[in-house]
Amino acid sequence: VNWGSANQAWEFYSVEKSMMRMRRFVSHVKTYRPHYLVMTGEPEDRLHMARFVGSLRKGYGITVYGNVLTGDWNYKSTVKTFRSKKFDYGYFENTSVDGLKVRGFVSSVIANNLRAGLQSLLCCAGLGV
């Protein structure tokens, strides 16, 4: 079992500690940062949408690129496809345009239909129940 290095453990600890400290902050209009859930599928396939959202956020806030893989929970087809294509690789960054950094988190779900997948992504992104 690979438990990771001491540096990774320290990074995880410091991020967790910072997140717990953020719970004490009160929202204010001066500290507002927009958060976006963008239904792009794979961000590389629709890079124009990723660039558009990158220009909206101006380097602030969080962007989650959502991908819904529709199908049943059949292991041999859907889950193997999901794992082989590495749909949920976590972080996306593209700096092909000077001065515009396109970055965000990629979240993919497997659902029976698009509506159920979108509801799951809304919960994953922290935008709804």
Foldseek 3Di string as FASTA:
>chain_A
DDPDDPVVVVVVVVVVVVVVVCVPDDDDPVPDADEEEAADADCVVVVVVLQVVQVVRVPTYAYEHEHEAADDPDCVPDVVVCVVVVQQPFKDWDCPDPPGIRIHTYDYDYYNDDVVRVVVVCVVSVNHD
